[in-house]
């Protein structure tokens, strides 16, 4: 992702008298707006590339893989995070320069959905859940390969993603209660203290545990066990030798070795992406959880760092896919070449390069 995203407790506009989210330094404020614009552009274009590759290469056959469907959903969420950074005040567009609705109803809706950053967190926490689902999918593929064939199907994955996009509406619900609309103020969206006193603090802590810390424990547990199993499997493969000189003895072993290698590469790709995502998220989430509990004081410098990290998380996955997986790298490169010279190259949808995950690879690689 993620995927894409700042924590709802970045309501530090109340901490400055002029509503400046970045402190009183004019140059720092302008630099941060420009930098957020760069991050938003990278997140939008990079994840859009991933979506196009999965949707078009080999006439959409990549869509027949459950893992690719999960990656597609996460890439779309991270892409939308980049778009929302252009729409939500205080990111690319300064809050003081933004044009707000003047009607009480439309203004309240805008403040609670957009100015509160709910729209950004909808996609952000959706990426968290998707990364968790990918970790579980990878664990089943390696730990329970025969169960994977029958349980992890494209139909079930599509159903899961439909439920995710609907139920995720409630995951960042506490955010909409943290801001009020005041037509007499500029900007008119004013943060309140909902999450710093009961019952708001209890609501926030419960949701924070459910939407971040429990997924983090699940992901960490899955990849630790995957690492253990891959090491044991690698050691066992080195010991086993084909008996006899016949081709029938060597082909099954070679096929099993190739399958394990391909499975390991894809698992490494998504594991690195999950690790990078949580490295960007945990500092911000932990800081503002402690801040909401009045355990630490407000610090603008910490906010600048953690805010930038969490927004950068939506940009990382495309680079990780290209760096750790040959097939995604080939797909991105062929798409870039096609965009440069469309009249000379075969469209990506019918390109001869292999998919990252084709139906045959899905059958042999991910269980």
Foldseek 3Di string as FASTA:
>chain_A
DVLFAADLLLQCLVVDPVSQSQDDDPVRLLVQLVVLLVLLVLLQVLLVLLLCLCCFFQNNLSLFFLLSVLSNLSSVLLNVNSVLLVVADSHNHHQLPDDADLDQVRRLVCLLCGPSRVVNVLSRLLRLVSLLVSLVLLLCLQVPVVCNVVPRGSVVSVVVVVCSNVVSNCLSVLSSVQWHAQSVDRVRIHGDLQCQDPPSVVVVVVSCCVSPVVSVVSNVVSVVVVVVSLVVVVVVLVVDDFPDDDPVRVVVSVLLVVQSVLSVLVVVLSNVLSVLQCVLAVQSSVVSNCVSPVNDDDDSVSCSRSVVSNRSSSNCSSVSCLVRAVQSVVSSVLQVVCVVPVPVDDPSNHDPRDHSAGPVSSSRHRD
